[in-house]
Amino acid sequence: MQEGDGAMGLGMTRTLPDGLFELANQRWLREQAVILGSWWRLKSQVCSSTRGPTGGFSGNTLQTHGNSAGTAAIAGAALATTANAVNPVIIQNQEFVDAITQDRFDVIGIDYQPGGSSGFTGNGDPLSDADACLRDAALMQQLGINTIRVYNLDPTADHDQCVSIFNSVGIYMILDVNSPFDGGSINADEPGPSYDTEYVNRTFLMIDAFREYPNLIGFFGANELINNDKNAGPNPPYIRRDMKQYMSARGGRPLYVGYSAAQVQDVLVSTSNYLQCAAPGENDDNDSRSDYFALNSYSWCGQSNFQKAQYNLLVDWFSNSTIPIFFSEYGCNKVQPRAFTEIPVIYGEQMQSFSGGLVYQWTQDENNYGIVQVNKDGSVKLLEDYDTLKTQFGKIDKQVVTTKNQSATSLQPAPCDAGLISGSTFNTSWDLPAQPSGVQSLIKNGVGGRVGQIQSVTQNSVQAAVTGTNGQTLSNLAINQVSATNPQIPDNVGSSGGSKGGKSSSGAAVPGLQIPEFGMALSTLVAVLAFAGLY
């Protein structure tokens, strides 16, 4: 939906032994290291309330005592996070999963691009205005949001304050790497010439800028690049590989790259099949596969239903997906005001093969999709869609959105084959295009971009004036910083009786929180260290 779109970490303090960095090219082992390090952080936080100062924990850092135990402590402490970080989200089969609780994680999100593409001037972006981010994070927290998508970002800007604010309230990010400026996106009509070293360099700068933030889930490598029969031929090979290789070479936790597709029925299934099949000779990191597949879908309008909106077809098509499927945009506005009656369905049992979605969009503009009106002085008026969306989010069943789909735990990607593709013009070659000159050197040596880091959030109260739909000014609006030990279900979700049970949503540690057993964590540690030659 963004103008100019025709295309395309866990913030860790790491001092790992050299051998452990070799795990960067083995995604499964990196995920286990993240789970272990996060487990150790969580264990230290919970146990610190009952252990004295000599018990071995100091804040989030484990003091080492001994040889093999010390090595384990180094690995755990080096993977620990600071500044009240959220739990990492990883991918298992067709689901996002909280790496600590091992609960399913559904995207309950909104598309966040204040000012649209015209709001991205090169002198700032939506994640570089701390006052606006504090205001919006407080309102999103009340709404029940756990994820934002941001389309246009400046990789050279300072995003630390904004990202830290969203992190502090448990809001994750999925970010587009492209921009509306020249050289900032792939030309859908001629992808080859536009996929040049300048473009790749900027994309890598985007990765550097955000890869260390703990609330980053991943990136969209392309948006609506394949939207008709004509560009279904040349474009598919350009949505893969180089970003994943660059992230892998940087080490750290696994980050993900996906694709956001227009819901063009003629090419939709073929695009998904093309991007998630297993190509011959793929390495263990699946560089040529998309990590998730998202839809910009506007088929549910007003008081529609599962069949009329053709959600039943989507479920038929994607129920056996081997990667997460979710809506990167939804919220038809042909019927005003919007009713958002699709939300209980998207997050219900009929669509457990989907992982939620992002409503389009946060701020009101000429397209009339916004749920808040942002004024020039920074004040905000909540629109009727905000209240309606809050009501519908309150109907979500917490049990459903945190319970894994057991029927999809052993799915394997199909081998890439022309039989997966329909239509005479869609690309049936999985040969990757040659990398532009110098890209392999960039992957190896890095591009030297600014690497963002989480900061402590010291201000909770919102200074901007916010007016509700009733015309009254909201008083005492502030963010409520959440605890990393608390599994993240936003307060509003399930507040209307949609929950059959589930988790506490207060900022305090959950009573009786089940921490993964030490034996499981220890066995994982032994496996990781053995692979690294340290055990």
Protein backbone atom coordinates (compact mmCIF):
# COMPACT_ATOMS: atom_id res chain seq x y z
CA MET A 1 0.00 0.00 0.00
CA GLN A 2 2.93 2.39 0.48
CA GLU A 3 3.78 4.79 -2.32
CA GLY A 4 7.11 3.93 -3.84
CA ASP A 5 6.89 0.27 -2.79
CA GLY A 6 7.45 -1.74 -5.90
CA ALA A 7 10.08 -3.86 -4.33
CA MET A 8 11.67 -5.09 -2.01
CA GLY A 9 19.17 -8.34 17.26
CA LEU A 10 18.45 -9.97 20.18
CA GLY A 11 20.59 -7.00 21.36
CA MET A 12 23.34 -9.14 22.69
CA THR A 13 26.52 -8.22 24.46
CA ARG A 14 28.69 -11.03 23.16
CA THR A 15 32.18 -12.12 24.21
CA LEU A 16 32.00 -15.71 23.07
CA PRO A 17 34.94 -18.07 22.55
CA ASP A 18 36.04 -18.04 18.92
CA GLY A 19 34.77 -21.55 18.27
CA LEU A 20 31.26 -20.58 19.23
CA PHE A 21 31.07 -18.03 16.43
CA GLU A 22 31.43 -20.89 13.98
CA LEU A 23 27.86 -21.77 14.89
CA ALA A 24 26.69 -18.72 12.96
CA ASN A 25 26.35 -20.81 9.82
CA GLN A 26 24.19 -23.44 11.52
CA ARG A 27 20.77 -21.91 12.14
CA TRP A 28 19.44 -24.66 14.40
CA LEU A 29 22.44 -24.40 16.70
CA ARG A 30 22.18 -20.61 16.77
CA GLU A 31 18.55 -20.97 17.83
CA GLN A 32 19.55 -23.38 20.60
CA ALA A 33 22.21 -20.95 21.77
CA VAL A 34 19.61 -18.18 21.90
CA ILE A 35 17.21 -20.38 23.86
CA LEU A 36 19.97 -21.37 26.26
CA GLY A 37 21.29 -17.83 26.76
CA SER A 38 17.78 -16.47 27.23
CA TRP A 39 16.96 -19.32 29.60
CA TRP A 40 20.03 -18.47 31.64
CA ARG A 41 19.01 -14.80 31.74
CA LEU A 42 15.48 -15.68 32.76
CA LYS A 43 16.68 -18.15 35.39
CA SER A 44 18.99 -15.55 36.88
CA GLN A 45 16.24 -12.95 37.08
CA VAL A 46 13.77 -15.28 38.74
CA CYS A 47 16.29 -16.87 41.11
CA SER A 48 17.88 -13.56 42.12
CA SER A 49 14.91 -12.82 44.37
CA THR A 50 15.75 -15.86 46.52
CA ARG A 51 19.54 -15.99 46.29
CA GLY A 52 21.89 -13.78 48.23
CA PRO A 53 24.69 -11.64 46.80
CA THR A 54 27.07 -14.60 46.87
CA GLY A 55 24.69 -16.80 44.90
CA GLY A 56 26.46 -16.17 41.63
CA PHE A 57 24.17 -13.71 39.87
CA SER A 58 24.73 -9.99 39.57
CA GLY A 59 22.01 -8.29 37.53
CA ASN A 60 21.90 -10.06 34.20
CA THR A 61 25.54 -11.19 34.36
CA LEU A 62 26.53 -14.58 35.69
CA GLN A 63 29.72 -14.65 37.71
CA THR A 64 31.85 -17.62 36.64
CA HIS A 65 33.15 -20.18 39.14
CA GLY A 66 35.37 -22.93 37.80
CA ASN A 67 36.38 -24.31 34.43
CA SER A 68 33.63 -26.13 32.55
CA ALA A 69 31.01 -24.36 34.64
CA GLY A 70 32.75 -21.11 33.85
CA THR A 71 32.64 -21.83 30.14
CA ALA A 72 28.92 -22.47 30.40
CA ALA A 73 28.52 -19.26 32.35
CA ILE A 74 30.40 -17.29 29.72
CA ALA A 75 28.12 -18.64 27.01
CA GLY A 76 25.02 -17.90 29.05
CA ALA A 77 26.08 -14.48 30.22
CA ALA A 78 27.38 -13.45 26.82
CA LEU A 79 23.99 -14.19 25.37
CA ALA A 80 22.18 -12.26 28.08
CA THR A 81 20.37 -9.04 27.28
CA THR A 82 20.07 -5.77 29.08
CA ALA A 83 17.53 -2.97 29.47
CA ASN A 84 14.52 -5.16 30.11
CA ALA A 85 14.61 -6.90 26.73
CA VAL A 86 11.73 -8.90 25.33
CA ASN A 87 12.00 -12.64 24.85
CA PRO A 88 13.44 -13.54 21.43
CA VAL A 89 11.02 -14.83 18.81
CA ILE A 90 12.21 -17.70 16.63
CA ILE A 91 10.64 -19.75 13.84
CA GLN A 92 9.70 -23.40 14.21
CA ASN A 93 8.01 -24.93 11.18
CA GLN A 94 5.02 -22.74 10.24
CA GLU A 95 4.92 -20.79 13.50
CA PHE A 96 6.64 -17.97 15.32
CA VAL A 97 7.58 -19.15 18.80
CA ASP A 98 8.64 -17.44 22.03
CA ALA A 99 12.12 -18.88 22.54
CA ILE A 100 11.74 -18.91 26.33
CA THR A 101 8.20 -20.17 26.96
CA GLN A 102 8.06 -22.17 23.71
CA ASP A 103 4.54 -20.79 23.26
CA ARG A 104 3.25 -19.91 19.82
CA PHE A 105 3.62 -16.20 19.01
CA ASP A 106 0.93 -14.64 16.82
CA VAL A 107 1.51 -11.24 15.25
CA ILE A 108 -1.06 -8.82 16.72
CA GLY A 109 0.16 -5.82 14.84
CA ILE A 110 -0.26 -2.59 12.96
CA ASP A 111 1.55 -0.97 10.04
CA TYR A 112 3.41 2.06 11.32
CA GLN A 113 4.49 4.75 8.86
CA PRO A 114 3.49 8.22 10.11
CA GLY A 115 3.25 10.52 7.13
CA GLY A 116 3.36 7.67 4.61
CA SER A 117 6.28 7.49 2.21
CA SER A 118 6.23 11.31 2.07
CA GLY A 119 7.10 11.28 5.78
CA PHE A 120 10.46 9.73 4.94
CA THR A 121 12.61 12.66 3.88
CA GLY A 122 16.11 11.38 4.52
CA ASN A 123 16.36 13.63 7.59
CA GLY A 124 14.57 11.26 9.89
CA ASP A 125 12.08 8.41 9.90
CA PRO A 126 9.28 6.97 12.07
CA LEU A 127 11.77 5.36 14.46
CA SER A 128 13.94 8.41 15.10
CA ASP A 129 11.42 10.66 16.92
CA ALA A 130 11.47 9.53 20.55
CA ASP A 131 8.58 11.75 21.69
CA ALA A 132 6.30 10.41 18.95
CA CYS A 133 7.39 6.84 19.64
CA LEU A 134 6.65 7.21 23.37
CA ARG A 135 3.19 8.61 22.60
CA ASP A 136 2.38 5.92 20.06
CA ALA A 137 3.83 3.06 22.12
CA ALA A 138 1.56 4.02 25.03
CA LEU A 139 -1.50 4.06 22.78
CA MET A 140 -0.51 0.81 21.08
CA GLN A 141 0.03 -0.85 24.44
CA GLN A 142 -3.51 0.05 25.49
CA LEU A 143 -4.79 -1.21 22.14
CA GLY A 144 -3.14 -4.62 22.47
CA ILE A 145 -0.40 -4.40 19.80
CA ASN A 146 2.64 -6.70 20.00
CA THR A 147 4.24 -6.02 16.58
CA ILE A 148 4.72 -3.12 14.17
CA ARG A 149 5.75 -3.07 10.54
CA VAL A 150 7.70 -0.03 9.36
CA TYR A 151 8.14 0.52 5.62
CA ASN A 152 10.65 3.31 5.03
CA LEU A 153 13.66 3.78 7.28
CA ASP A 154 16.97 5.63 7.19
CA PRO A 155 19.79 3.21 8.08
CA THR A 156 22.04 6.09 9.17
CA ALA A 157 19.60 7.56 11.71
CA ASP A 158 19.75 6.96 15.47
CA HIS A 159 16.90 4.57 16.32
CA ASP A 160 18.06 3.57 19.80
CA GLN A 161 15.52 5.57 21.81
CA CYS A 162 12.48 4.68 19.72
CA VAL A 163 13.28 1.00 19.43
CA SER A 164 14.07 0.85 23.15
CA ILE A 165 10.68 2.36 23.95
CA PHE A 166 8.84 -0.22 21.83
CA ASN A 167 11.01 -2.95 23.31
CA SER A 168 10.16 -1.83 26.83
CA VAL A 169 6.43 -2.36 26.23
CA GLY A 170 6.84 -5.72 24.50
CA ILE A 171 6.36 -4.56 20.91
CA TYR A 172 8.37 -6.36 18.20
CA MET A 173 9.30 -5.13 14.72
CA ILE A 174 9.24 -6.48 11.17
CA LEU A 175 10.95 -3.96 8.89
CA ASP A 176 11.08 -3.35 5.16
CA VAL A 177 14.57 -2.84 3.79
CA ASN A 178 13.54 -0.69 0.82
CA SER A 179 12.97 3.03 0.43
CA PRO A 180 11.15 5.23 -2.11
CA PHE A 181 14.39 6.99 -3.07
CA ASP A 182 16.37 6.21 -6.23
CA GLY A 183 18.42 3.08 -5.76
CA GLY A 184 16.43 2.10 -2.69
CA SER A 185 14.26 -0.61 -4.24
CA ILE A 186 14.14 -3.20 -6.98
CA ASN A 187 12.53 -2.21 -10.26
CA ALA A 188 9.81 -4.82 -10.78
CA ASP A 189 10.01 -4.40 -14.58
CA GLU A 190 13.79 -4.79 -14.74
CA PRO A 191 15.07 -6.32 -11.51
CA GLY A 192 18.55 -7.21 -12.75
CA PRO A 193 19.95 -3.71 -13.37
CA SER A 194 18.37 -2.28 -10.19
CA TYR A 195 19.78 -5.07 -8.01
CA ASP A 196 23.22 -3.51 -8.02
CA THR A 197 26.00 -2.99 -5.49
CA GLU A 198 24.57 0.35 -4.34
CA TYR A 199 21.22 -1.24 -3.58
CA VAL A 200 22.75 -4.21 -1.78
CA ASN A 201 25.04 -1.93 0.25
CA ARG A 202 22.06 0.07 1.48
CA THR A 203 20.21 -3.12 2.34
CA PHE A 204 23.17 -4.31 4.39
CA LEU A 205 23.28 -0.93 6.17
CA MET A 206 19.65 -1.55 7.16
CA ILE A 207 20.62 -4.91 8.62
CA ASP A 208 23.47 -3.35 10.61
CA ALA A 209 21.20 -0.61 11.92
CA PHE A 210 18.66 -3.01 13.45
CA ARG A 211 20.20 -6.47 13.87
CA GLU A 212 21.22 -6.04 17.52
CA TYR A 213 17.81 -4.93 18.76
CA PRO A 214 16.14 -7.75 20.72
CA ASN A 215 12.63 -6.92 19.52
CA LEU A 216 13.49 -7.29 15.83
CA ILE A 217 11.86 -10.39 14.36
CA GLY A 218 13.16 -9.84 10.85
CA PHE A 219 12.86 -8.00 7.55
CA PHE A 220 10.76 -7.92 4.45
CA GLY A 221 13.18 -8.32 1.55
CA ALA A 222 10.51 -7.23 -0.91
CA ASN A 223 6.97 -5.87 -1.00
CA GLU A 224 4.52 -6.65 -3.84
CA LEU A 225 7.36 -7.24 -6.28
CA ILE A 226 5.52 -10.10 -7.99
CA ASN A 227 2.03 -8.85 -8.75
CA ASN A 228 1.19 -9.97 -12.29
CA ASP A 229 2.13 -12.53 -14.93
CA LYS A 230 4.64 -10.19 -16.54
CA ASN A 231 6.92 -9.68 -13.54
CA ALA A 232 6.41 -13.23 -12.26
CA GLY A 233 9.14 -14.23 -14.70
CA PRO A 234 12.24 -12.19 -13.83
CA ASN A 235 11.67 -11.25 -10.18
CA PRO A 236 11.42 -14.34 -7.94
CA PRO A 237 15.18 -15.08 -7.75
CA TYR A 238 15.90 -11.60 -6.37
CA ILE A 239 14.07 -12.04 -3.06
CA ARG A 240 16.65 -14.35 -1.49
CA ARG A 241 20.15 -15.21 -0.35
CA ASP A 242 22.31 -12.10 -0.01
CA MET A 243 20.57 -10.65 3.06
CA LYS A 244 20.61 -14.02 4.80
CA GLN A 245 24.28 -14.56 4.04
CA TYR A 246 25.14 -11.11 5.38
CA MET A 247 23.26 -11.72 8.64
CA SER A 248 24.81 -15.15 9.03
CA ALA A 249 28.29 -13.72 8.58
CA ARG A 250 27.67 -11.22 11.38
CA GLY A 251 26.94 -14.00 13.89
CA GLY A 252 24.56 -13.70 16.82
CA ARG A 253 21.00 -14.93 17.01
CA PRO A 254 19.07 -15.97 13.92
CA LEU A 255 17.19 -13.18 12.16
CA TYR A 256 14.71 -13.74 9.39
CA VAL A 257 13.89 -12.48 5.91
CA GLY A 258 10.45 -12.79 4.35
CA TYR A 259 8.32 -11.51 1.51
CA SER A 260 5.15 -9.38 1.57
CA ALA A 261 2.86 -10.27 -1.35
CA ALA A 262 -0.11 -8.56 -2.91
CA GLN A 263 -3.10 -10.91 -2.83
CA VAL A 264 -3.15 -11.42 -6.58
CA GLN A 265 -4.79 -14.82 -6.85
CA ASP A 266 -3.25 -15.70 -10.23
CA VAL A 267 0.31 -15.68 -8.89
CA LEU A 268 -0.15 -16.01 -5.11
CA VAL A 269 0.21 -19.75 -4.63
CA SER A 270 3.02 -20.06 -7.15
CA THR A 271 4.91 -17.25 -5.41
CA SER A 272 4.59 -18.95 -2.04
CA ASN A 273 5.60 -22.34 -3.44
CA TYR A 274 8.58 -20.81 -5.24
CA LEU A 275 9.86 -19.02 -2.15
CA GLN A 276 9.53 -21.83 0.39
CA CYS A 277 10.50 -24.96 -1.55
CA ALA A 278 13.85 -26.64 -0.96
CA ALA A 279 16.17 -25.98 -3.87
CA PRO A 280 18.77 -28.59 -4.84
CA GLY A 281 22.09 -28.19 -3.07
CA GLU A 282 20.75 -25.81 -0.42
CA ASN A 283 22.93 -25.37 2.64
CA ASP A 284 21.70 -25.83 6.19
CA ASP A 285 20.71 -22.18 6.47
CA ASN A 286 18.32 -22.40 3.51
CA ASP A 287 19.68 -19.21 1.99
CA SER A 288 17.42 -19.43 -1.01
CA ARG A 289 14.20 -19.93 0.99
CA SER A 290 12.00 -17.23 2.44
CA ASP A 291 11.65 -17.52 6.22
CA TYR A 292 8.03 -16.32 6.20
CA PHE A 293 5.39 -15.31 3.67
CA ALA A 294 2.93 -12.46 4.24
CA LEU A 295 -0.13 -11.18 2.39
CA ASN A 296 -1.44 -7.68 1.85
CA SER A 297 -5.10 -8.69 1.89
CA TYR A 298 -8.23 -6.54 1.69
CA SER A 299 -10.86 -9.13 0.83
CA TRP A 300 -12.78 -8.93 4.13
CA CYS A 301 -14.92 -5.80 4.00
CA GLY A 302 -17.52 -4.79 6.56
CA GLN A 303 -19.72 -7.61 7.90
CA SER A 304 -18.16 -10.30 5.73
CA ASN A 305 -17.47 -13.91 6.67
CA PHE A 306 -14.93 -16.72 6.28
CA GLN A 307 -16.29 -17.90 2.92
CA LYS A 308 -17.32 -14.58 1.40
CA ALA A 309 -13.91 -13.06 2.05
CA GLN A 310 -12.34 -16.25 0.65
CA TYR A 311 -10.36 -16.86 3.81
CA ASN A 312 -11.36 -20.50 3.37
CA LEU A 313 -9.32 -20.56 0.15
CA LEU A 314 -6.32 -19.06 1.92
CA VAL A 315 -6.49 -21.76 4.57
CA ASP A 316 -6.77 -24.46 1.89
CA TRP A 317 -3.76 -23.06 0.05
CA PHE A 318 -1.49 -22.47 3.04
CA SER A 319 -2.48 -25.04 5.67
CA ASN A 320 0.60 -27.12 4.82
CA SER A 321 3.01 -24.21 4.62
CA THR A 322 6.41 -24.97 6.10
CA ILE A 323 7.04 -21.32 7.01
CA PRO A 324 4.85 -18.84 8.94
CA ILE A 325 2.05 -17.20 6.95
CA PHE A 326 0.46 -13.96 8.15
CA PHE A 327 -1.23 -10.79 6.91
CA SER A 328 1.29 -7.98 6.40
CA GLU A 329 -1.64 -5.63 5.67
CA TYR A 330 -5.36 -6.05 6.24
CA GLY A 331 -8.37 -3.86 6.99
CA CYS A 332 -10.58 -3.06 3.97
CA ASN A 333 -12.04 0.45 4.22
CA LYS A 334 -14.75 0.22 1.57
CA VAL A 335 -17.25 0.11 4.41
CA GLN A 336 -16.86 2.97 6.91
CA PRO A 337 -16.36 2.94 9.80
CA ARG A 338 -14.43 -0.30 9.70
CA ALA A 339 -15.88 -3.14 11.81
CA PHE A 340 -12.75 -5.37 11.92
CA THR A 341 -14.98 -8.43 12.22
CA GLU A 342 -12.21 -10.51 10.63
CA ILE A 343 -10.07 -10.33 13.78
CA PRO A 344 -11.79 -13.10 15.80
CA VAL A 345 -11.45 -15.28 12.69
CA ILE A 346 -7.81 -14.47 11.94
CA TYR A 347 -6.91 -15.38 15.53
CA GLY A 348 -9.38 -18.23 15.83
CA GLU A 349 -9.18 -21.98 15.40
CA GLN A 350 -10.20 -21.86 11.72
CA MET A 351 -6.96 -20.08 10.85
CA GLN A 352 -4.39 -21.73 13.08
CA SER A 353 -2.18 -22.21 10.02
CA PHE A 354 -1.87 -18.39 9.96
CA SER A 355 0.21 -16.40 12.45
CA GLY A 356 -1.92 -13.28 12.80
CA GLY A 357 -1.43 -10.03 10.96
CA LEU A 358 -0.89 -6.27 10.86
CA VAL A 359 -3.74 -3.80 10.44
CA TYR A 360 -3.22 -1.09 7.85
CA GLN A 361 -2.49 1.48 9.31
CA TRP A 362 -1.64 3.63 12.35
CA THR A 363 -1.88 7.24 11.16
CA GLN A 364 -4.65 8.79 9.11
CA ASP A 365 -3.80 10.17 5.68
CA GLU A 366 -5.53 10.78 2.35
CA ASN A 367 -6.08 7.03 1.89
CA ASN A 368 -8.35 6.99 4.95
CA TYR A 369 -6.91 3.87 6.60
CA GLY A 370 -5.62 5.43 9.81
CA ILE A 371 -6.88 4.73 13.32
CA VAL A 372 -5.35 7.89 14.87
CA GLN A 373 -5.07 11.46 13.57
CA VAL A 374 -1.65 13.00 14.25
CA ASN A 375 -1.62 16.80 14.20
CA LYS A 376 1.29 19.05 13.29
CA ASP A 377 1.92 19.96 16.93
CA GLY A 378 2.31 16.28 17.84
CA SER A 379 -1.08 15.98 19.50
CA VAL A 380 -3.27 13.00 18.58
CA LYS A 381 -6.97 12.36 18.20
CA LEU A 382 -8.16 8.77 18.43
CA LEU A 383 -10.52 7.82 15.61
CA GLU A 384 -13.51 5.51 15.80
CA ASP A 385 -11.48 2.70 14.20
CA TYR A 386 -9.14 2.76 17.21
CA ASP A 387 -11.96 1.97 19.63
CA THR A 388 -13.42 -0.68 17.34
CA LEU A 389 -10.05 -2.34 16.88
CA LYS A 390 -9.50 -2.37 20.64
CA THR A 391 -12.87 -4.06 21.14
CA GLN A 392 -12.12 -6.72 18.52
CA PHE A 393 -8.64 -7.43 19.90
CA GLY A 394 -10.34 -7.94 23.25
CA LYS A 395 -12.21 -10.91 21.74
CA ILE A 396 -9.05 -12.84 20.87
CA ASP A 397 -8.75 -16.17 22.67
CA LYS A 398 -5.38 -16.16 24.43
CA GLN A 399 -5.31 -19.93 24.57
CA VAL A 400 -5.64 -20.25 20.79
CA VAL A 401 -2.92 -17.73 19.93
CA THR A 402 -0.38 -19.29 22.30
CA THR A 403 -1.06 -22.97 21.53
CA LYS A 404 1.03 -24.59 18.82
CA ASN A 405 -0.66 -26.16 15.82
CA GLN A 406 0.25 -29.79 16.50
CA SER A 407 -0.77 -30.86 12.99
CA ALA A 408 2.06 -28.80 11.50
CA THR A 409 5.06 -29.83 13.58
CA SER A 410 6.61 -32.28 11.13
CA LEU A 411 6.01 -30.61 7.77
CA GLN A 412 8.93 -30.61 5.36
CA PRO A 413 9.44 -28.22 2.42
CA ALA A 414 8.72 -29.73 -0.96
CA PRO A 415 11.67 -30.07 -3.35
CA CYS A 416 11.66 -27.22 -5.86
CA ASP A 417 10.06 -28.45 -9.05
CA ALA A 418 8.16 -26.90 -11.96
CA GLY A 419 5.11 -28.89 -10.84
CA LEU A 420 4.72 -26.46 -7.92
CA ILE A 421 4.21 -23.58 -10.32
CA SER A 422 1.13 -22.73 -12.36
CA GLY A 423 1.01 -20.32 -15.26
CA SER A 424 3.19 -20.26 -18.33
CA THR A 425 5.07 -17.07 -17.45
CA PHE A 426 6.06 -17.79 -13.83
CA ASN A 427 9.75 -18.48 -13.28
CA THR A 428 10.56 -22.17 -12.88
CA SER A 429 14.31 -21.78 -12.50
CA TRP A 430 15.80 -21.77 -9.02
CA ASP A 431 19.24 -20.70 -10.21
CA LEU A 432 20.32 -17.66 -8.25
CA PRO A 433 21.48 -14.62 -10.20
CA ALA A 434 25.13 -13.68 -9.95
CA GLN A 435 25.89 -11.35 -7.09
CA PRO A 436 26.75 -7.78 -8.14
CA SER A 437 30.44 -6.91 -8.16
CA GLY A 438 31.87 -6.55 -4.67
CA VAL A 439 28.90 -8.02 -2.78
CA GLN A 440 30.78 -11.10 -1.59
CA SER A 441 33.40 -8.78 -0.07
CA LEU A 442 30.65 -6.80 1.66
CA ILE A 443 29.24 -10.01 3.11
CA LYS A 444 32.63 -11.07 4.41
CA ASN A 445 33.91 -7.73 5.70
CA GLY A 446 30.72 -5.84 6.48
CA VAL A 447 29.62 -2.40 5.34
CA GLY A 448 30.56 -0.57 8.54
CA GLY A 449 27.04 0.60 9.27
CA ARG A 450 25.88 2.08 12.55
CA VAL A 451 24.79 -0.80 14.81
CA GLY A 452 21.91 0.18 17.06
CA GLN A 453 21.80 -0.82 20.73
CA ILE A 454 18.99 -0.96 23.28
CA GLN A 455 19.04 1.82 25.88
CA SER A 456 17.34 2.12 29.24
CA VAL A 457 13.99 3.92 29.00
CA THR A 458 13.81 6.54 31.73
CA GLN A 459 10.64 8.41 30.76
CA ASN A 460 7.23 6.75 30.92
CA SER A 461 4.80 9.67 30.85
CA VAL A 462 3.52 11.01 27.53
CA GLN A 463 3.70 14.79 27.17
CA ALA A 464 1.70 15.12 23.95
CA ALA A 465 -2.03 15.82 24.22
CA VAL A 466 -4.22 12.89 23.21
CA THR A 467 -7.96 13.22 22.68
CA GLY A 468 -10.30 10.25 22.77
CA THR A 469 -13.19 9.61 20.42
CA ASN A 470 -15.49 11.20 23.02
CA GLY A 471 -13.61 14.49 22.77
CA GLN A 472 -12.07 14.16 26.23
CA THR A 473 -8.34 14.51 26.80
CA LEU A 474 -6.69 11.33 28.04
CA SER A 475 -5.05 11.93 31.39
CA ASN A 476 -1.95 10.27 32.84
CA LEU A 477 -1.10 8.51 29.56
CA ALA A 478 2.13 6.57 29.98
CA ILE A 479 3.86 3.40 28.91
CA ASN A 480 3.94 0.46 31.32
CA GLN A 481 7.35 -1.17 31.00
CA VAL A 482 7.02 -4.93 31.00
CA SER A 483 9.27 -7.56 32.49
CA ALA A 484 11.39 -9.85 30.35
CA THR A 485 10.30 -12.69 32.62
CA ASN A 486 6.67 -12.19 31.64
CA PRO A 487 5.47 -13.98 28.49
CA GLN A 488 4.09 -11.30 26.25
CA ILE A 489 0.33 -11.21 25.78
CA PRO A 490 -0.84 -7.56 25.58
CA ASP A 491 -3.19 -6.50 28.38
CA ASN A 492 -6.13 -5.80 26.09
CA VAL A 493 -6.01 -9.13 24.25
CA GLY A 494 -8.75 -11.38 25.55
CA SER A 495 -10.14 -8.62 27.79
CA SER A 496 -13.67 -9.10 26.42
CA GLY A 497 -13.94 -12.68 27.60
CA GLY A 498 -12.28 -14.25 24.58
CA SER A 499 -9.81 -16.17 26.70
CA LYS A 500 -10.33 -19.73 27.84
CA GLY A 501 -7.38 -19.24 30.17
CA GLY A 502 -3.88 -18.09 29.46
CA LYS A 503 -1.20 -15.91 30.84
CA SER A 504 -1.14 -12.98 33.18
CA SER A 505 -0.56 -9.73 31.32
CA SER A 506 0.67 -7.59 34.19
CA GLY A 507 4.18 -6.20 34.20
CA ALA A 508 5.22 -8.36 37.13
CA ALA A 509 6.69 -11.81 36.95
CA VAL A 510 4.01 -14.45 36.47
CA PRO A 511 3.39 -16.51 39.60
CA GLY A 512 4.34 -20.11 39.02
CA LEU A 513 6.13 -19.29 35.77
CA GLN A 514 7.39 -22.52 34.25
CA ILE A 515 11.04 -22.08 33.29
CA PRO A 516 12.49 -24.66 30.93
CA GLU A 517 14.08 -27.39 33.03
CA PHE A 518 17.78 -27.22 33.78
CA GLY A 519 18.35 -30.66 32.30
CA MET A 520 17.04 -29.56 28.91
CA ALA A 521 19.12 -26.38 29.00
CA LEU A 522 22.22 -28.27 30.12
CA SER A 523 21.89 -30.86 27.38
CA THR A 524 21.52 -28.07 24.85
CA LEU A 525 24.61 -26.38 26.23
CA VAL A 526 26.62 -29.60 26.01
CA ALA A 527 25.53 -30.05 22.39
CA VAL A 528 26.49 -26.48 21.51
CA LEU A 529 29.84 -26.61 23.28
CA ALA A 530 30.64 -30.04 21.86
CA PHE A 531 30.01 -28.76 18.35
CA ALA A 532 32.28 -25.81 19.06
CA GLY A 533 34.99 -28.11 20.41
CA LEU A 534 34.76 -26.59 23.88
CA TYR A 535 33.44 -29.60 25.77
